Amino acid sequence: MTREVRNLRGEIVPDTDPDKRWWHFDSSTWLLIGGLALFNIGCFFNPNLIDSIFRMLDIRLWPWSYCIILGIIVLFSIKWFFIYSRWEDYDGNEADSAMRFVRLSVAISVGLVLWAFLRAAKWPVYFYDLFARWIGYGEFSWTAALIFVFLLGVATAFVYLFKEWVVVFWER
């Protein structure tokens, strides 16, 4: 004996499969849920913050360094596309070199984008002020020490990735 299954409208659903889900949200329901979520999240943000995010997307207001960062990321993306499209043609050494280049270029891209966001938020000035007081006047700050250790770790990771790529590149 099969149990009759009704949908959300109360209609009897024929041919029920026990493994098949009996409910379904269509696109308008998902748009409603997404809009309500955005509305509820947006209620807790400062409108000036949202305005500044959209203002950052205006290319005419970018400093010249952002355009260079965008160009580098576009060049890396083109190279990633060529590596991906020819991946089956690479032998062991070329594949290793390509994979190390991808790791290095992803790290550089993430670092440049992070630097652009920090610069847009005017955090480098704050970091520089902490370092200047720490090194110039001897005023110790745990924040400056933590930032110094973090920057030292990031620099070490970049040097390691670059060294690995150069070593494999010159072995060919």
Protein backbone atom coordinates (compact mmCIF):
# COMPACT_ATOMS: atom_id res chain seq x y z
CA MET A 1 0.00 0.00 0.00
CA THR A 2 1.44 3.31 -1.03
CA ARG A 3 1.00 6.35 1.04
CA GLU A 4 -0.43 9.33 -0.78
CA VAL A 5 1.93 12.30 -0.92
CA ARG A 6 0.71 15.85 -1.28
CA ASN A 7 2.74 18.79 -2.51
CA LEU A 8 2.74 22.28 -0.99
CA ARG A 9 -0.47 23.17 -2.86
CA GLY A 10 -2.28 20.16 -1.41
CA GLU A 11 -2.42 18.23 -4.68
CA ILE A 12 -1.75 14.51 -4.68
CA VAL A 13 1.60 13.74 -6.29
CA PRO A 14 1.50 10.57 -8.43
CA ASP A 15 4.42 8.14 -8.86
CA THR A 16 6.32 9.00 -5.74
CA ASP A 17 9.90 7.82 -5.53
CA PRO A 18 11.17 7.42 -1.95
CA ASP A 19 14.64 8.65 -2.95
CA LYS A 20 13.35 11.72 -4.77
CA ARG A 21 12.75 14.89 -2.81
CA TRP A 22 9.10 15.82 -2.53
CA TRP A 23 9.58 19.57 -2.26
CA HIS A 24 11.08 22.00 -4.73
CA PHE A 25 11.85 25.72 -4.63
CA ASP A 26 11.75 27.42 -8.01
CA SER A 27 13.86 30.41 -8.98
CA SER A 28 11.45 33.07 -7.71
CA THR A 29 11.46 31.50 -4.23
CA TRP A 30 15.26 31.44 -4.14
CA LEU A 31 15.36 35.07 -5.31
CA LEU A 32 12.96 35.99 -2.51
CA ILE A 33 15.07 34.17 0.10
CA GLY A 34 18.26 35.77 -1.25
CA GLY A 35 16.69 39.23 -1.29
CA LEU A 36 15.47 38.86 2.28
CA ALA A 37 18.91 37.71 3.39
CA LEU A 38 20.58 40.68 1.64
CA PHE A 39 18.03 43.04 3.13
CA ASN A 40 18.61 41.72 6.65
CA ILE A 41 22.39 41.84 6.25
CA GLY A 42 22.19 45.33 4.71
CA CYS A 43 20.29 46.68 7.69
CA PHE A 44 23.40 46.33 9.84
CA PHE A 45 25.86 48.08 7.48
CA ASN A 46 26.66 51.74 7.24
CA PRO A 47 25.36 53.07 3.88
CA ASN A 48 28.60 55.00 3.41
CA LEU A 49 30.49 51.70 3.47
CA ILE A 50 28.35 50.28 0.67
CA ASP A 51 28.74 53.54 -1.27
CA SER A 52 32.53 53.39 -0.88
CA ILE A 53 32.59 49.80 -2.17
CA PHE A 54 30.75 50.84 -5.34
CA ARG A 55 32.99 53.92 -5.64
CA MET A 56 36.03 51.60 -5.60
CA LEU A 57 34.68 49.90 -8.74
CA ASP A 58 34.97 53.15 -10.75
CA ILE A 59 38.16 52.69 -12.78
CA ARG A 60 38.54 56.43 -13.36
CA LEU A 61 39.21 56.97 -9.65
CA TRP A 62 41.85 54.24 -9.32
CA PRO A 63 45.48 55.12 -8.57
CA TRP A 64 47.91 54.08 -11.28
CA SER A 65 49.16 51.13 -9.21
CA TYR A 66 45.73 49.47 -9.33
CA CYS A 67 45.85 49.45 -13.13
CA ILE A 68 49.27 47.74 -13.01
CA ILE A 69 47.93 45.17 -10.54
CA LEU A 70 44.93 44.52 -12.81
CA GLY A 71 47.27 44.12 -15.81
CA ILE A 72 49.48 41.63 -13.95
CA ILE A 73 46.46 39.58 -12.90
CA VAL A 74 45.11 39.59 -16.48
CA LEU A 75 48.50 38.41 -17.80
CA PHE A 76 48.64 35.67 -15.17
CA SER A 77 45.09 34.63 -16.08
CA ILE A 78 46.03 34.33 -19.75
CA LYS A 79 49.06 32.19 -18.84
CA TRP A 80 46.89 30.04 -16.55
CA PHE A 81 44.48 29.49 -19.45
CA PHE A 82 47.33 28.39 -21.74
CA ILE A 83 48.71 26.06 -19.06
CA TYR A 84 45.26 24.56 -18.48
CA SER A 85 44.57 24.10 -22.19
CA ARG A 86 47.93 22.34 -22.81
CA TRP A 87 48.10 20.37 -19.55
CA GLU A 88 47.94 16.95 -21.28
CA ASP A 89 50.94 17.83 -23.47
CA TYR A 90 53.30 18.48 -20.56
CA ASP A 91 55.76 15.81 -19.48
CA GLY A 92 56.80 15.36 -15.83
CA ASN A 93 59.36 18.21 -15.65
CA GLU A 94 57.25 20.71 -17.62
CA ALA A 95 54.19 19.87 -15.55
CA ASP A 96 56.18 20.41 -12.36
CA SER A 97 57.46 23.76 -13.65
CA ALA A 98 53.96 24.82 -14.72
CA MET A 99 52.46 23.83 -11.37
CA ARG A 100 55.13 25.79 -9.48
CA PHE A 101 54.52 28.80 -11.73
CA VAL A 102 50.79 28.58 -11.00
CA ARG A 103 51.48 28.47 -7.25
CA LEU A 104 53.83 31.47 -7.48
CA SER A 105 51.49 33.50 -9.66
CA VAL A 106 48.47 32.76 -7.45
CA ALA A 107 50.45 33.85 -4.39
CA ILE A 108 51.55 37.05 -6.14
CA SER A 109 48.00 37.77 -7.33
CA VAL A 110 46.52 37.26 -3.86
CA GLY A 111 49.26 39.42 -2.36
CA LEU A 112 48.69 42.24 -4.84
CA VAL A 113 44.91 42.18 -4.38
CA LEU A 114 45.36 42.13 -0.60
CA TRP A 115 47.76 45.07 -0.85
CA ALA A 116 45.23 46.98 -2.98
CA PHE A 117 42.46 46.39 -0.43
CA LEU A 118 44.71 47.39 2.46
CA ARG A 119 45.75 50.52 0.60
CA ALA A 120 42.13 51.39 -0.16
CA ALA A 121 41.34 51.04 3.54
CA LYS A 122 44.39 53.23 4.36
CA TRP A 123 45.88 50.57 6.63
CA PRO A 124 49.51 50.86 5.35
CA VAL A 125 49.68 54.35 6.88
CA TYR A 126 48.64 52.89 10.23
CA PHE A 127 51.19 50.07 9.90
CA TYR A 128 53.93 52.50 8.88
CA ASP A 129 53.17 54.71 11.88
CA LEU A 130 53.50 51.71 14.21
CA PHE A 131 56.82 50.68 12.64
CA ALA A 132 58.15 54.24 12.64
CA ARG A 133 57.45 54.62 16.36
CA TRP A 134 58.87 51.15 17.08
CA ILE A 135 62.08 51.57 15.11
CA GLY A 136 62.55 55.34 15.40
CA TYR A 137 61.65 55.95 19.04
CA GLY A 138 61.86 52.48 20.56
CA GLU A 139 58.17 52.46 21.50
CA PHE A 140 57.31 48.76 21.55
CA SER A 141 53.92 47.63 20.30
CA TRP A 142 52.61 44.09 20.16
CA THR A 143 50.61 45.00 17.08
CA ALA A 144 53.74 46.19 15.29
CA ALA A 145 55.61 43.03 16.32
CA LEU A 146 52.76 40.82 15.10
CA ILE A 147 52.56 42.69 11.79
CA PHE A 148 56.34 42.43 11.40
CA VAL A 149 56.26 38.66 11.96
CA PHE A 150 53.34 38.31 9.54
CA LEU A 151 55.12 40.35 6.84
CA LEU A 152 58.31 38.36 7.42
CA GLY A 153 56.36 35.12 6.95
CA VAL A 154 54.71 36.38 3.76
CA ALA A 155 58.06 37.54 2.37
CA THR A 156 59.62 34.16 3.24
CA ALA A 157 56.78 32.33 1.47
CA PHE A 158 57.21 34.49 -1.65
CA VAL A 159 60.98 33.95 -1.69
CA TYR A 160 60.49 30.18 -1.26
CA LEU A 161 57.92 29.98 -4.07
CA PHE A 162 60.10 32.09 -6.36
CA LYS A 163 63.18 29.99 -5.58
CA GLU A 164 61.32 26.75 -6.27
CA TRP A 165 60.03 28.05 -9.59
CA VAL A 166 63.46 29.31 -10.67
CA VAL A 167 65.16 26.03 -9.71
CA VAL A 168 62.69 23.94 -11.74
CA PHE A 169 62.72 26.49 -14.58
CA TRP A 170 66.52 26.37 -14.91
CA GLU A 171 66.60 22.55 -14.73
CA ARG A 172 64.87 22.42 -18.11
